[in-house]
Amino acid sequence: MKQLVLFIKRRKTFFVFLAGFACTLLLIYPFNKVVSYTSTDMYCNSCHVHDHAEESWRLSAHVTNKSGIVVRCIDCHLPPQGDGYLKAKAYHGIKDLYGFWFKDSTDYKWESKRTVEKAEEFVYEASCVKCHSNLYPATISVKGADSHLYYENHNESLSCLNCHMHTGHYDPNYQHAQNQSFGDSEKPQVLHEESTKIEAFKDFTEQIPGSSVSFNMIAISGGEFKMGSPDDESYRRKDEGPQRNVKLSPFFMAEIEVSWDEFLAWFGQTASEGRKEAEATLAEVDAITGATPPWGAPDQGWGKGQRPAITMSHHAAVQYCRWLSHITGKIYRLPTEAEWEYAARGASQTAYPFDGTPKDYSELSFRNKWMGVDITTIGQYVTYKANSDCKTQLPDVVKANPFGLKNMHGNVAEFCSDWYSADTYKNYKEEVVIDPKGPAIGREHVVRGGSFRSDASELRSAARSYTQTKDWLKTDPQMPKSIWWYSDVSHVGFRVVCEVPDTIEMRQ
């Protein structure tokens, strides 16, 4: 009897185990089927219907290559199996389904997704390394090997995307090589023979000799103002104070940021003088030199013409001013930080020279982030994150400020001549500081103004920033790195100032 009971118990246990095993198989099979199906290119492309995804992938080196290997969507956009694959798949799947069901893909700003910072959120370094395990194949160039060595020594701050952003999705405007033809023009031009003569302190149009390019200069009367931001200004930073009373002499300032037309006039006329990449030397300081060809496409494929020139270094901007001074017979230079802020304020002492406060417009505000922002007013005067389509825009899309200057607060941030210090204002001891020029020495230079990618909080007249030379040259493959072009920044340009000639009588 006991043996019979024991047999029944064992048999029952066996059937329970068998049933459990069968149920497990029944669950695992459809689960794997679902995982497999939702990992296909067809399924990915059924949701990711935006204009560039599938077409640019099929044109990329991940599909169109000599080996015939096709790199699938999940090979880049999910980590390898065993490296958090299912967790990442669930996270991205839920996020994508939410967007597919509750959002309109035509409203997405796809250009903003095509940046290294955004791409790193859904492209996995481990997946890149899994396929590209040999960083030094026999076919690699010397510069490529140098770049990969630099990556290995700095992989805590670099990713494969820094150099190979468009490998998985083809971009016809992207070029990862030295651009020897950059700046070439086949258009016939009527060249200016002489620059404009300044005969009075009033607005004038400068003509660049030897080119067809001209640009407007605005007469900015001298005056006093409070430099920096008050303690109660929203989004204020410590380096914006304490406020100081500043008095400035009159000066001329360019109506718009230096355009590609203007910058390429310098690049073309000085091409024979600076074609070998080398470190700047003391002998070069007072020389007029020209830039080496850039690496890739400095205009990012957005277009040149009257759009602001970008990706040049602070050194290149200074050399441009020296060249412009030489050929026009005037004194052109970068604005001091004080001149820049005075001109941006347009006689105002509020955060902006137009109606509204930073809290009204900033997306850092919880309310604005979820309820939206009325950009009717700010959008008339500034090209910034909310209205730029994530790229530079032509200057005529905005109105001028009270002094007649366009996009002082946006489109691109602008170099100043001053060295940067967080304590600059603290070190001004005078009751009224006259024509301040910043610290005598430093490592980085002041950058002022917001850009096409800036939140409204960064557009304030008093907001300060600075060059970040090391970070802005991370992916430059040249040894030594370029002194002319920043490989990793596209939101900074510059605007010129012209000093008033001593021959001009200033009438108060």
Protein backbone atom coordinates (compact mmCIF):
# COMPACT_ATOMS: atom_id res chain seq x y z
CA MET A 1 0.00 0.00 0.00
CA LYS A 2 2.80 2.38 0.92
CA GLN A 3 4.57 1.58 -2.36
CA LEU A 4 1.40 2.37 -4.29
CA VAL A 5 1.00 5.74 -2.55
CA LEU A 6 4.67 6.51 -3.16
CA PHE A 7 4.31 5.60 -6.83
CA ILE A 8 1.24 7.84 -7.21
CA LYS A 9 3.04 10.74 -5.53
CA ARG A 10 6.07 10.30 -7.75
CA ARG A 11 3.86 9.99 -10.80
CA LYS A 12 1.95 13.12 -9.79
CA THR A 13 5.19 14.99 -9.26
CA PHE A 14 6.41 13.82 -12.65
CA PHE A 15 3.24 15.01 -14.38
CA VAL A 16 3.38 18.36 -12.55
CA PHE A 17 6.99 18.73 -13.66
CA LEU A 18 6.08 17.68 -17.19
CA ALA A 19 3.16 20.09 -17.29
CA GLY A 20 5.33 22.89 -15.96
CA PHE A 21 8.00 22.11 -18.53
CA ALA A 22 5.42 22.09 -21.32
CA CYS A 23 3.95 25.41 -20.13
CA THR A 24 7.42 26.90 -19.98
CA LEU A 25 8.07 25.81 -23.56
CA LEU A 26 4.72 27.20 -24.61
CA LEU A 27 5.60 30.53 -23.01
CA ILE A 28 9.21 30.68 -24.19
CA TYR A 29 8.38 29.84 -27.80
CA PRO A 30 5.93 32.71 -28.42
CA PHE A 31 8.11 35.02 -26.31
CA ASN A 32 11.11 34.26 -28.52
CA LYS A 33 8.94 34.64 -31.58
CA VAL A 34 7.81 38.06 -30.41
CA VAL A 35 11.38 39.10 -29.58
CA SER A 36 12.58 37.82 -32.95
CA TYR A 37 9.80 39.48 -34.94
CA THR A 38 10.12 42.82 -33.20
CA SER A 39 13.85 42.77 -33.93
CA THR A 40 13.49 42.64 -37.70
CA ASP A 41 14.29 45.59 -39.95
CA MET A 42 10.76 45.44 -41.34
CA TYR A 43 9.23 45.87 -37.89
CA CYS A 44 11.63 48.68 -36.95
CA ASN A 45 10.82 50.57 -40.14
CA SER A 46 7.08 50.15 -39.61
CA CYS A 47 7.31 52.54 -36.66
CA HIS A 48 10.31 54.65 -37.63
CA VAL A 49 8.64 56.16 -40.64
CA HIS A 50 10.50 59.46 -40.64
CA ASP A 51 11.94 60.57 -43.95
CA HIS A 52 15.57 59.58 -43.54
CA ALA A 53 15.66 56.39 -41.47
CA GLU A 54 15.30 53.47 -43.89
CA GLU A 55 16.53 55.17 -47.06
CA SER A 56 19.69 56.57 -45.46
CA TRP A 57 20.38 53.18 -43.82
CA ARG A 58 20.16 51.39 -47.17
CA LEU A 59 22.59 53.91 -48.70
CA SER A 60 25.05 53.60 -45.84
CA ALA A 61 28.23 51.55 -45.57
CA HIS A 62 26.31 49.18 -43.29
CA VAL A 63 24.33 47.95 -46.30
CA THR A 64 26.14 49.14 -49.44
CA ASN A 65 29.63 47.68 -49.07
CA LYS A 66 32.05 45.38 -50.87
CA SER A 67 31.72 42.51 -48.39
CA GLY A 68 27.98 42.11 -48.80
CA ILE A 69 27.38 42.18 -45.03
CA VAL A 70 24.19 43.90 -43.91
CA VAL A 71 24.17 45.47 -40.46
CA ARG A 72 20.65 45.31 -39.05
CA CYS A 73 18.85 47.97 -37.01
CA ILE A 74 19.24 46.07 -33.75
CA ASP A 75 22.96 45.54 -34.35
CA CYS A 76 23.53 49.23 -33.57
CA HIS A 77 20.44 50.33 -31.66
CA LEU A 78 20.53 47.54 -29.03
CA PRO A 79 23.47 46.25 -27.00
CA PRO A 80 24.82 42.74 -27.73
CA GLN A 81 23.05 39.68 -26.28
CA GLY A 82 23.99 39.23 -22.63
CA ASP A 83 24.88 42.90 -22.24
CA GLY A 84 21.49 44.22 -21.19
CA TYR A 85 19.85 43.38 -24.51
CA LEU A 86 16.31 42.59 -23.28
CA LYS A 87 16.27 45.46 -20.80
CA ALA A 88 17.28 47.95 -23.50
CA LYS A 89 14.82 46.42 -25.95
CA ALA A 90 11.96 46.81 -23.47
CA TYR A 91 12.94 50.41 -22.67
CA HIS A 92 13.24 51.54 -26.29
CA GLY A 93 10.18 49.51 -27.31
CA ILE A 94 7.91 51.14 -24.75
CA LYS A 95 9.27 54.58 -25.64
CA ASP A 96 8.82 54.01 -29.38
CA LEU A 97 5.31 52.62 -29.00
CA TYR A 98 4.29 55.60 -26.89
CA GLY A 99 5.58 57.94 -29.58
CA PHE A 100 3.89 55.93 -32.33
CA TRP A 101 0.50 55.90 -30.60
CA PHE A 102 0.38 59.33 -28.99
CA LYS A 103 2.60 61.60 -31.09
CA ASP A 104 2.66 62.80 -34.67
CA SER A 105 5.95 61.94 -36.38
CA THR A 106 5.59 64.95 -38.68
CA ASP A 107 5.99 67.23 -35.65
CA TYR A 108 9.33 65.75 -34.59
CA LYS A 109 12.45 67.85 -35.07
CA TRP A 110 14.49 65.12 -36.70
CA GLU A 111 17.49 67.38 -37.21
CA SER A 112 17.88 67.65 -33.45
CA LYS A 113 18.19 63.86 -33.26
CA ARG A 114 21.14 63.82 -35.65
CA THR A 115 23.70 64.93 -33.12
CA VAL A 116 26.30 62.89 -31.27
CA GLU A 117 24.72 63.75 -27.92
CA LYS A 118 21.31 62.44 -29.00
CA ALA A 119 22.64 59.46 -30.94
CA GLU A 120 24.53 58.20 -27.89
CA GLU A 121 21.15 57.64 -26.22
CA PHE A 122 20.20 54.93 -28.71
CA VAL A 123 23.43 53.69 -30.28
CA TYR A 124 25.57 51.38 -28.15
CA GLU A 125 29.35 51.52 -28.03
CA ALA A 126 29.49 47.82 -27.13
CA SER A 127 27.72 46.99 -30.39
CA CYS A 128 30.23 49.01 -32.42
CA VAL A 129 33.17 47.29 -30.74
CA LYS A 130 31.62 43.84 -31.12
CA CYS A 131 31.77 44.10 -34.92
CA HIS A 132 34.77 46.38 -35.24
CA SER A 133 37.02 44.50 -32.85
CA ASN A 134 40.19 45.25 -34.84
CA LEU A 135 40.78 49.00 -34.79
CA TYR A 136 44.00 48.69 -36.80
CA PRO A 137 43.25 46.70 -39.96
CA ALA A 138 45.87 46.53 -42.69
CA THR A 139 43.94 49.00 -44.84
CA ILE A 140 43.77 51.80 -42.27
CA SER A 141 45.51 55.09 -43.04
CA VAL A 142 48.10 56.69 -40.78
CA LYS A 143 45.63 59.40 -39.73
CA GLY A 144 43.00 56.74 -39.07
CA ALA A 145 45.39 54.78 -36.88
CA ASP A 146 46.33 57.97 -35.01
CA SER A 147 42.64 58.70 -34.45
CA HIS A 148 41.91 55.21 -33.15
CA LEU A 149 44.90 55.40 -30.83
CA TYR A 150 43.62 58.74 -29.55
CA TYR A 151 40.19 57.14 -29.03
CA GLU A 152 41.65 54.26 -27.02
CA ASN A 153 43.49 56.70 -24.79
CA HIS A 154 40.41 58.90 -24.27
CA ASN A 155 37.49 56.47 -24.54
CA GLU A 156 36.07 57.72 -21.26
CA SER A 157 35.12 60.94 -23.05
CA LEU A 158 34.86 59.75 -26.66
CA SER A 159 32.61 57.32 -28.48
CA CYS A 160 32.75 55.83 -31.96
CA LEU A 161 30.00 58.28 -32.91
CA ASN A 162 32.29 61.26 -32.50
CA CYS A 163 33.97 60.35 -35.80
CA HIS A 164 31.55 57.88 -37.38
CA MET A 165 28.23 59.58 -36.73
CA HIS A 166 26.89 58.94 -40.25
CA THR A 167 28.21 55.42 -40.85
CA GLY A 168 24.85 53.78 -40.15
CA HIS A 169 22.73 56.43 -41.89
CA TYR A 170 24.25 57.99 -44.98
CA ASP A 171 24.53 61.76 -45.14
CA PRO A 172 25.66 63.12 -48.54
CA ASN A 173 26.93 66.32 -46.88
CA TYR A 174 29.18 64.51 -44.42
CA GLN A 175 32.86 64.22 -45.21
CA HIS A 176 35.42 62.64 -42.91
CA ALA A 177 38.49 63.86 -44.77
CA GLN A 178 40.32 67.07 -45.48
CA ASN A 179 38.14 69.27 -47.68
CA GLN A 180 40.59 70.53 -50.29
CA SER A 181 37.88 72.17 -52.40
CA PHE A 182 36.22 74.04 -49.54
CA GLY A 183 35.55 77.65 -50.46
CA ASP A 184 35.99 77.22 -54.21
CA SER A 185 33.60 79.34 -56.24
CA GLU A 186 32.89 79.30 -59.95
CA LYS A 187 30.48 82.25 -59.93
CA PRO A 188 31.58 85.37 -61.84
CA GLN A 189 32.07 88.28 -59.46
CA VAL A 190 32.26 92.05 -59.68
CA LEU A 191 35.16 92.84 -57.39
CA HIS A 192 35.44 95.87 -55.13
CA GLU A 193 38.66 97.78 -55.74
CA GLU A 194 38.65 99.85 -52.55
CA SER A 195 37.17 99.69 -49.08
CA THR A 196 34.67 102.21 -47.79
CA LYS A 197 36.00 105.47 -46.37
CA ILE A 198 34.65 106.53 -42.99
CA GLU A 199 33.96 110.27 -42.99
CA ALA A 200 31.51 110.53 -40.09
CA PHE A 201 30.32 108.54 -37.11
CA LYS A 202 27.35 106.93 -38.77
CA ASP A 203 26.37 103.53 -40.18
CA PHE A 204 28.30 102.45 -43.25
CA THR A 205 28.63 99.51 -45.64
CA GLU A 206 32.09 98.02 -45.77
CA GLN A 207 33.35 96.69 -49.10
CA ILE A 208 36.03 94.01 -48.99
CA PRO A 209 38.67 94.84 -51.64
CA GLY A 210 39.35 92.07 -54.11
CA SER A 211 35.94 90.49 -53.54
CA SER A 212 32.28 91.11 -54.28
CA VAL A 213 31.43 90.97 -50.58
CA SER A 214 30.12 93.84 -48.47
CA PHE A 215 28.53 94.05 -45.04
CA ASN A 216 26.86 96.66 -42.85
CA MET A 217 28.49 98.30 -39.84
CA ILE A 218 26.35 100.02 -37.19
CA ALA A 219 27.53 103.07 -35.25
CA ILE A 220 27.18 102.37 -31.52
CA SER A 221 27.42 105.52 -29.41
CA GLY A 222 29.39 105.25 -26.21
CA GLY A 223 27.67 105.29 -22.87
CA GLU A 224 27.34 103.85 -19.39
CA PHE A 225 25.50 100.70 -18.32
CA LYS A 226 25.44 98.07 -15.62
CA MET A 227 27.41 95.04 -16.80
CA GLY A 228 26.35 91.65 -15.49
CA SER A 229 23.08 90.38 -14.08
CA PRO A 230 21.27 91.38 -10.87
CA ASP A 231 21.06 88.81 -8.08
CA ASP A 232 17.37 88.14 -8.70
CA GLU A 233 17.57 87.46 -12.45
CA SER A 234 16.22 84.03 -13.35
CA TYR A 235 18.83 81.42 -14.32
CA ARG A 236 21.64 83.74 -13.27
CA ARG A 237 25.09 82.18 -12.79
CA LYS A 238 27.78 83.22 -10.34
CA ASP A 239 30.22 84.41 -13.02
CA GLU A 240 27.71 87.10 -14.11
CA GLY A 241 28.35 89.26 -11.08
CA PRO A 242 28.70 91.35 -9.15
CA GLN A 243 27.27 93.99 -11.47
CA ARG A 244 29.67 96.78 -12.41
CA ASN A 245 29.13 100.29 -13.78
CA VAL A 246 30.93 100.41 -17.13
CA LYS A 247 31.57 103.32 -19.47
CA LEU A 248 32.37 102.62 -23.13
CA SER A 249 33.79 104.71 -25.95
CA PRO A 250 31.89 104.75 -29.28
CA PHE A 251 32.53 101.93 -31.76
CA PHE A 252 31.15 100.35 -34.92
CA MET A 253 29.74 96.83 -34.77
CA ALA A 254 28.68 94.53 -37.61
CA GLU A 255 24.93 94.32 -38.15
CA ILE A 256 25.15 90.52 -38.45
CA GLU A 257 27.57 87.78 -37.52
CA VAL A 258 30.42 87.25 -39.98
CA SER A 259 28.84 85.35 -42.84
CA TRP A 260 30.32 82.57 -44.92
CA ASP A 261 30.60 85.04 -47.83
CA GLU A 262 32.79 87.30 -45.67
CA PHE A 263 34.82 84.53 -44.10
CA LEU A 264 35.49 82.78 -47.41
CA ALA A 265 36.78 86.04 -48.88
CA TRP A 266 39.58 85.81 -46.30
CA PHE A 267 39.98 82.08 -46.80
CA GLY A 268 40.32 82.48 -50.56
CA GLN A 269 42.67 85.47 -50.52
CA THR A 270 45.05 83.99 -47.94
CA ALA A 271 44.97 80.41 -49.18
CA SER A 272 48.61 80.36 -50.30
CA GLU A 273 49.85 81.64 -46.96
CA GLY A 274 48.67 79.04 -44.48
CA ARG A 275 48.30 75.66 -46.10
CA LYS A 276 50.58 73.67 -43.78
CA GLU A 277 49.07 72.73 -40.45
CA ALA A 278 51.35 73.72 -37.61
CA GLU A 279 51.30 75.14 -34.14
CA ALA A 280 51.07 78.92 -33.87
CA THR A 281 54.45 80.47 -33.11
CA LEU A 282 55.43 83.84 -31.72
CA ALA A 283 56.55 84.81 -35.20
CA GLU A 284 53.00 84.37 -36.45
CA VAL A 285 51.37 86.67 -33.93
CA ASP A 286 51.53 89.80 -36.07
CA ALA A 287 51.47 88.02 -39.42
CA ILE A 288 48.47 87.73 -41.70
CA THR A 289 48.01 84.05 -42.35
CA GLY A 290 45.38 81.85 -43.90
CA ALA A 291 43.73 78.66 -42.71
CA THR A 292 44.48 75.13 -43.81
CA PRO A 293 41.64 73.27 -45.55
CA PRO A 294 39.06 72.17 -42.98
CA TRP A 295 38.30 68.59 -42.02
CA GLY A 296 34.88 67.68 -43.38
CA ALA A 297 32.18 70.24 -44.08
CA PRO A 298 32.38 73.24 -41.69
CA ASP A 299 28.96 74.48 -42.78
CA GLN A 300 27.45 71.10 -41.72
CA GLY A 301 25.66 70.98 -45.07
CA TRP A 302 23.30 73.77 -43.98
CA GLY A 303 24.51 76.18 -46.63
CA LYS A 304 26.86 79.14 -46.80
CA GLY A 305 26.12 82.59 -48.27
CA GLN A 306 24.74 84.91 -45.59
CA ARG A 307 24.45 82.22 -42.93
CA PRO A 308 26.92 82.81 -40.09
CA ALA A 309 30.32 81.18 -40.54
CA ILE A 310 30.92 78.50 -37.92
CA THR A 311 33.48 75.93 -36.69
CA MET A 312 36.46 78.24 -37.08
CA SER A 313 38.73 78.60 -34.05
CA HIS A 314 39.18 81.74 -31.99
CA HIS A 315 42.66 81.99 -33.54
CA ALA A 316 41.12 81.96 -37.03
CA ALA A 317 38.65 84.68 -36.06
CA VAL A 318 41.51 86.87 -34.82
CA GLN A 319 43.45 86.28 -38.04
CA TYR A 320 40.37 87.20 -40.06
CA CYS A 321 40.18 90.52 -38.20
CA ARG A 322 43.87 91.22 -38.83
CA TRP A 323 43.45 90.50 -42.52
CA LEU A 324 40.34 92.68 -42.73
CA SER A 325 42.20 95.51 -40.98
CA HIS A 326 45.11 95.18 -43.40
CA ILE A 327 43.09 95.29 -46.62
CA THR A 328 40.62 98.00 -45.51
CA GLY A 329 43.04 100.29 -43.68
CA LYS A 330 40.80 100.33 -40.60
CA ILE A 331 41.12 98.64 -37.21
CA TYR A 332 38.85 95.62 -37.10
CA ARG A 333 38.84 93.25 -34.14
CA LEU A 334 36.66 91.04 -31.99
CA PRO A 335 34.45 92.93 -29.54
CA THR A 336 35.39 93.12 -25.91
CA GLU A 337 32.97 91.39 -23.58
CA ALA A 338 31.76 94.76 -22.32
CA GLU A 339 31.15 96.07 -25.85
CA TRP A 340 29.25 92.90 -26.72
CA GLU A 341 26.93 93.11 -23.71
CA TYR A 342 26.33 96.83 -24.17
CA ALA A 343 25.40 96.27 -27.83
CA ALA A 344 23.21 93.27 -27.01
CA ARG A 345 21.28 95.14 -24.35
CA GLY A 346 20.35 97.91 -26.76
CA ALA A 347 20.00 100.40 -23.89
CA SER A 348 17.93 97.94 -21.82
CA GLN A 349 18.80 96.64 -18.34
CA THR A 350 16.43 93.67 -18.38
CA ALA A 351 17.37 90.13 -19.32
CA TYR A 352 16.33 90.73 -22.94
CA PRO A 353 15.95 93.91 -25.03
CA PHE A 354 12.40 92.77 -25.90
CA ASP A 355 9.33 91.97 -23.82
CA GLY A 356 9.28 88.90 -21.63
CA THR A 357 11.42 87.22 -18.99
CA PRO A 358 13.54 84.04 -19.03
CA LYS A 359 10.84 82.24 -17.05
CA ASP A 360 8.31 83.14 -19.75
CA TYR A 361 10.32 81.42 -22.46
CA SER A 362 12.65 78.83 -20.93
CA GLU A 363 11.82 75.14 -21.33
CA LEU A 364 13.69 74.54 -18.07
CA SER A 365 10.50 75.70 -16.40
CA PHE A 366 8.30 72.71 -15.53
CA ARG A 367 5.19 74.60 -16.58
CA ASN A 368 6.62 75.66 -19.94
CA LYS A 369 7.98 72.20 -20.65
CA TRP A 370 4.55 70.62 -20.39
CA MET A 371 2.21 73.46 -21.30
CA GLY A 372 4.25 74.94 -24.15
CA VAL A 373 5.64 78.41 -24.74
CA ASP A 374 4.28 81.31 -26.74
CA ILE A 375 7.36 82.33 -28.77
CA THR A 376 5.62 85.02 -30.82
CA THR A 377 7.68 87.85 -29.28
CA ILE A 378 11.05 86.20 -28.73
CA GLY A 379 10.86 84.44 -32.08
CA GLN A 380 10.79 87.78 -33.88
CA TYR A 381 14.22 88.69 -32.55
CA VAL A 382 16.12 85.45 -31.91
CA THR A 383 16.98 82.27 -33.77
CA TYR A 384 17.21 79.68 -31.00
CA LYS A 385 16.24 76.14 -30.04
CA ALA A 386 12.48 76.67 -30.31
CA ASN A 387 12.45 78.04 -33.88
CA SER A 388 15.77 77.18 -35.56
CA ASP A 389 15.07 73.66 -36.89
CA CYS A 390 18.35 72.78 -35.13
CA LYS A 391 20.61 74.65 -37.53
CA THR A 392 21.79 78.16 -38.34
CA GLN A 393 19.40 80.40 -40.23
CA LEU A 394 19.74 83.42 -42.50
CA PRO A 395 19.90 86.73 -40.58
CA ASP A 396 16.92 88.31 -42.33
CA VAL A 397 14.44 86.01 -40.56
CA VAL A 398 14.70 88.14 -37.39
CA LYS A 399 14.26 91.79 -36.48
CA ALA A 400 17.11 94.01 -35.32
CA ASN A 401 17.49 95.08 -31.69
CA PRO A 402 17.14 98.78 -30.67
CA PHE A 403 20.72 99.48 -31.86
CA GLY A 404 20.07 97.91 -35.29
CA LEU A 405 21.94 94.64 -34.65
CA LYS A 406 20.52 91.25 -35.60
CA ASN A 407 20.74 87.99 -33.64
CA MET A 408 22.95 89.28 -30.85
CA HIS A 409 21.22 86.71 -28.65
CA GLY A 410 20.97 83.77 -31.02
CA ASN A 411 21.78 81.96 -34.28
CA VAL A 412 25.39 81.40 -33.17
CA ALA A 413 27.25 82.29 -30.00
CA GLU A 414 30.08 84.78 -30.57
CA PHE A 415 33.76 85.03 -29.69
CA CYS A 416 34.94 88.01 -27.67
CA SER A 417 38.51 89.23 -27.33
CA ASP A 418 38.68 88.86 -23.53
CA TRP A 419 40.26 85.99 -21.68
CA TYR A 420 37.63 84.23 -19.57
CA SER A 421 37.62 84.25 -15.78
CA ALA A 422 34.76 83.45 -13.43
CA ASP A 423 35.99 86.32 -11.24
CA THR A 424 36.31 88.98 -13.93
CA TYR A 425 33.74 91.37 -12.44
CA LYS A 426 35.04 90.89 -8.90
CA ASN A 427 38.43 92.12 -10.03
CA TYR A 428 37.10 95.42 -11.38
CA LYS A 429 37.62 97.75 -8.41
CA GLU A 430 36.83 101.14 -9.94
CA GLU A 431 33.49 102.79 -9.27
CA VAL A 432 33.09 103.20 -13.03
CA VAL A 433 35.16 100.86 -15.19
CA ILE A 434 36.20 102.53 -18.46
CA ASP A 435 36.55 100.37 -21.61
CA PRO A 436 37.38 97.13 -19.75
CA LYS A 437 39.24 94.44 -21.67
CA GLY A 438 39.09 91.56 -19.21
CA PRO A 439 41.96 89.65 -17.54
CA ALA A 440 45.52 90.14 -18.78
CA ILE A 441 46.09 86.39 -19.19
CA GLY A 442 44.04 83.24 -19.40
CA ARG A 443 43.53 79.88 -21.09
CA GLU A 444 40.14 80.23 -22.76
CA HIS A 445 38.32 83.18 -24.32
CA VAL A 446 34.89 84.56 -23.57
CA VAL A 447 31.97 83.44 -25.73
CA ARG A 448 28.76 85.49 -25.56
CA GLY A 449 25.20 85.02 -26.75
CA GLY A 450 23.04 82.00 -27.36
CA SER A 451 22.79 79.92 -30.50
CA PHE A 452 20.39 77.92 -32.63
CA ARG A 453 20.55 75.13 -30.06
CA SER A 454 20.17 77.26 -26.91
CA ASP A 455 17.34 77.36 -24.42
CA ALA A 456 15.93 80.80 -23.70
CA SER A 457 17.74 80.86 -20.34
CA GLU A 458 21.04 81.01 -22.23
CA LEU A 459 19.94 83.95 -24.38
CA ARG A 460 20.04 86.52 -21.58
CA SER A 461 22.17 89.61 -22.24
CA ALA A 462 24.39 88.87 -19.23
CA ALA A 463 24.87 85.13 -19.84
CA ARG A 464 28.56 84.16 -20.20
CA SER A 465 30.37 81.19 -21.64
CA TYR A 466 33.87 80.42 -22.91
CA THR A 467 35.82 78.43 -25.48
CA GLN A 468 36.55 74.80 -24.66
CA THR A 469 39.52 74.17 -26.93
CA LYS A 470 40.33 70.63 -25.80
CA ASP A 471 36.74 69.38 -25.99
CA TRP A 472 36.12 71.18 -29.28
CA LEU A 473 39.05 69.36 -30.93
CA LYS A 474 38.42 65.83 -29.70
CA THR A 475 37.89 64.23 -33.08
CA ASP A 476 40.34 66.23 -35.18
CA PRO A 477 42.52 63.40 -36.57
CA GLN A 478 45.45 65.67 -37.42
CA MET A 479 48.67 65.66 -35.43
CA PRO A 480 49.10 68.40 -34.34
CA LYS A 481 45.47 69.35 -34.15
CA SER A 482 44.27 72.28 -36.22
CA ILE A 483 44.72 75.80 -34.93
CA TRP A 484 42.16 77.00 -37.51
CA TRP A 485 39.11 74.77 -37.19
CA TYR A 486 37.18 73.23 -34.29
CA SER A 487 36.13 69.72 -35.24
CA ASP A 488 33.48 69.35 -32.55
CA VAL A 489 31.50 72.56 -32.29
CA SER A 490 29.03 74.03 -34.76
CA HIS A 491 27.22 76.67 -32.70
CA VAL A 492 29.92 79.36 -32.36
CA GLY A 493 30.89 82.15 -34.78
CA PHE A 494 31.84 85.79 -34.35
CA ARG A 495 30.97 89.40 -35.10
CA VAL A 496 33.45 92.19 -35.83
CA VAL A 497 33.96 95.61 -34.29
CA CYS A 498 35.63 98.54 -36.06
CA GLU A 499 37.33 101.21 -34.02
CA VAL A 500 36.39 104.83 -34.71
CA PRO A 501 39.26 106.55 -36.60
CA ASP A 502 41.00 109.40 -34.80
CA THR A 503 40.17 111.63 -37.76
CA ILE A 504 36.44 111.44 -37.01
CA GLU A 505 35.15 114.27 -34.82
CA MET A 506 32.77 112.89 -32.22
CA ARG A 507 29.92 115.28 -31.46
CA GLN A 508 28.04 114.75 -28.25
